[in-house]
Amino acid sequence: MASIHTAFYSLQIPEKQAKRATKLYLKRYSAVLAEGKARYVDAHTATGVVEYFLRKTRKRRQADLLEEMTFKKAGGKIRIGKMAGTDQTG
């Protein structure tokens, strides 16, 4: 579920929609598991929010994502959070 929230944050989609997407994903995923069929996400046949996410992130480098999503705390610790680039306490 964290990946959905991370993706939505990265795409600047509101948190409320991320929560709805997470619920929908869990509902659909459990239904697919109940069917007992193997399935996977294919970038060539994806539609909707999955297609949008895959297109948007296709050329993104891991280093760019880490730079965007991390910040350094006092003492040199690296943290991941929504306020990347700021010094947060806690």
C-alpha atoms as a PDB file:
ATOM      1  CA  MET A   1       0.000   0.000   0.000  1.00  0.00           C
ATOM      2  CA  ALA A   2       2.956   2.286   0.597  1.00  0.00           C
ATOM      3  CA  SER A   3       3.804   2.141  -3.095  1.00  0.00           C
ATOM      4  CA  ILE A   4       0.368   3.506  -4.008  1.00  0.00           C
ATOM      5  CA  HIS A   5       0.773   6.403  -1.605  1.00  0.00           C
ATOM      6  CA  THR A   6       4.324   7.054  -2.814  1.00  0.00           C
ATOM      7  CA  ALA A   7       3.216   6.997  -6.440  1.00  0.00           C
ATOM      8  CA  PHE A   8       0.282   9.335  -5.832  1.00  0.00           C
ATOM      9  CA  TYR A   9       2.495  11.726  -3.852  1.00  0.00           C
ATOM     10  CA  SER A  10       5.072  11.655  -6.645  1.00  0.00           C
ATOM     11  CA  LEU A  11       2.362  12.465  -9.190  1.00  0.00           C
ATOM     12  CA  GLN A  12       0.913  15.169  -6.904  1.00  0.00           C
ATOM     13  CA  ILE A  13      -2.430  13.404  -6.576  1.00  0.00           C
ATOM     14  CA  PRO A  14      -4.324  14.199  -3.330  1.00  0.00           C
ATOM     15  CA  GLU A  15      -3.975  11.859  -0.329  1.00  0.00           C
ATOM     16  CA  LYS A  16      -7.746  11.274  -0.289  1.00  0.00           C
ATOM     17  CA  GLN A  17      -7.543   9.707  -3.762  1.00  0.00           C
ATOM     18  CA  ALA A  18      -4.575   7.573  -2.679  1.00  0.00           C
ATOM     19  CA  LYS A  19      -6.657   6.179   0.180  1.00  0.00           C
ATOM     20  CA  ARG A  20      -9.539   5.395  -2.194  1.00  0.00           C
ATOM     21  CA  ALA A  21      -7.156   3.754  -4.662  1.00  0.00           C
ATOM     22  CA  THR A  22      -5.661   1.646  -1.862  1.00  0.00           C
ATOM     23  CA  LYS A  23      -9.098   0.414  -0.810  1.00  0.00           C
ATOM     24  CA  LEU A  24     -10.049  -0.325  -4.416  1.00  0.00           C
ATOM     25  CA  TYR A  25      -6.752  -2.144  -4.984  1.00  0.00           C
ATOM     26  CA  LEU A  26      -7.239  -4.342  -1.916  1.00  0.00           C
ATOM     27  CA  LYS A  27     -10.811  -5.152  -2.925  1.00  0.00           C
ATOM     28  CA  ARG A  28      -9.824  -6.022  -6.496  1.00  0.00           C
ATOM     29  CA  TYR A  29      -6.634  -7.844  -5.482  1.00  0.00           C
ATOM     30  CA  SER A  30      -8.513 -10.070  -3.049  1.00  0.00           C
ATOM     31  CA  ALA A  31     -11.107 -10.842  -5.748  1.00  0.00           C
ATOM     32  CA  VAL A  32      -8.353 -11.786  -8.219  1.00  0.00           C
ATOM     33  CA  LEU A  33      -6.680 -14.019  -5.623  1.00  0.00           C
ATOM     34  CA  ALA A  34     -10.003 -15.700  -4.981  1.00  0.00           C
ATOM     35  CA  GLU A  35     -10.222 -16.540  -8.715  1.00  0.00           C
ATOM     36  CA  GLY A  36      -6.925 -18.401  -8.460  1.00  0.00           C
ATOM     37  CA  LYS A  37      -5.540 -17.059 -11.757  1.00  0.00           C
ATOM     38  CA  ALA A  38      -2.035 -15.670 -12.214  1.00  0.00           C
ATOM     39  CA  ARG A  39      -1.966 -12.034 -13.385  1.00  0.00           C
ATOM     40  CA  TYR A  40       0.594  -9.266 -13.721  1.00  0.00           C
ATOM     41  CA  VAL A  41       0.877  -5.637 -14.803  1.00  0.00           C
ATOM     42  CA  ASP A  42       2.010  -5.240 -18.398  1.00  0.00           C
ATOM     43  CA  ALA A  43       3.127  -1.758 -19.423  1.00  0.00           C
ATOM     44  CA  HIS A  44       1.855  -2.328 -22.977  1.00  0.00           C
ATOM     45  CA  THR A  45      -1.701  -3.203 -21.950  1.00  0.00           C
ATOM     46  CA  ALA A  46      -2.102  -1.133 -18.759  1.00  0.00           C
ATOM     47  CA  THR A  47      -4.965   1.358 -18.637  1.00  0.00           C
ATOM     48  CA  GLY A  48      -6.177   4.090 -16.321  1.00  0.00           C
ATOM     49  CA  VAL A  49      -4.103   5.170 -13.339  1.00  0.00           C
ATOM     50  CA  VAL A  50      -1.639   2.298 -13.858  1.00  0.00           C
ATOM     51  CA  GLU A  51      -0.950   3.401 -17.436  1.00  0.00           C
ATOM     52  CA  TYR A  52      -0.572   7.010 -16.287  1.00  0.00           C
ATOM     53  CA  PHE A  53       1.831   6.042 -13.507  1.00  0.00           C
ATOM     54  CA  LEU A  54       3.944   3.802 -15.752  1.00  0.00           C
ATOM     55  CA  ARG A  55       4.235   6.473 -18.446  1.00  0.00           C
ATOM     56  CA  LYS A  56       5.036   9.195 -15.925  1.00  0.00           C
ATOM     57  CA  THR A  57       7.740   7.176 -14.172  1.00  0.00           C
ATOM     58  CA  ARG A  58       9.214   5.259 -17.126  1.00  0.00           C
ATOM     59  CA  LYS A  59      12.211   7.542 -17.600  1.00  0.00           C
ATOM     60  CA  ARG A  60      12.664   8.548 -13.960  1.00  0.00           C
ATOM     61  CA  ARG A  61      16.000   7.509 -12.536  1.00  0.00           C
ATOM     62  CA  GLN A  62      16.221   5.944  -9.075  1.00  0.00           C
ATOM     63  CA  ALA A  63      18.734   8.620  -8.030  1.00  0.00           C
ATOM     64  CA  ASP A  64      16.227  11.362  -8.946  1.00  0.00           C
ATOM     65  CA  LEU A  65      13.473   9.685  -6.928  1.00  0.00           C
ATOM     66  CA  LEU A  66      15.726   9.303  -3.895  1.00  0.00           C
ATOM     67  CA  GLU A  67      16.825  12.925  -4.103  1.00  0.00           C
ATOM     68  CA  GLU A  68      13.204  14.037  -4.259  1.00  0.00           C
ATOM     69  CA  MET A  69      11.953  11.798  -1.449  1.00  0.00           C
ATOM     70  CA  THR A  70      14.773  11.976   1.123  1.00  0.00           C
ATOM     71  CA  PHE A  71      16.350  14.545   3.423  1.00  0.00           C
ATOM     72  CA  LYS A  72      19.228  14.586   5.914  1.00  0.00           C
ATOM     73  CA  LYS A  73      18.614  14.953   9.613  1.00  0.00           C
ATOM     74  CA  ALA A  74      21.086  16.294  12.133  1.00  0.00           C
ATOM     75  CA  GLY A  75      23.805  13.718  12.678  1.00  0.00           C
ATOM     76  CA  GLY A  76      23.833  12.697   9.008  1.00  0.00           C
ATOM     77  CA  LYS A  77      20.899  10.284   9.153  1.00  0.00           C
ATOM     78  CA  ILE A  78      18.939  10.074   5.921  1.00  0.00           C
ATOM     79  CA  ARG A  79      15.162   9.992   6.220  1.00  0.00           C
ATOM     80  CA  ILE A  80      12.377   9.432   3.742  1.00  0.00           C
ATOM     81  CA  GLY A  81       9.364  11.691   4.030  1.00  0.00           C
ATOM     82  CA  LYS A  82       6.952  14.105   2.445  1.00  0.00           C
ATOM     83  CA  MET A  83       9.005  17.147   3.348  1.00  0.00           C
ATOM     84  CA  ALA A  84      12.083  16.187   1.331  1.00  0.00           C
ATOM     85  CA  GLY A  85      14.793  18.794   1.360  1.00  0.00           C
ATOM     86  CA  THR A  86      13.852  20.176   4.785  1.00  0.00           C
ATOM     87  CA  ASP A  87      15.323  19.482   8.193  1.00  0.00           C
ATOM     88  CA  GLN A  88      12.597  17.655  10.109  1.00  0.00           C
ATOM     89  CA  THR A  89      12.758  16.553  13.720  1.00  0.00           C
ATOM     90  CA  GLY A  90      11.303  13.386  15.113  1.00  0.00           C
END
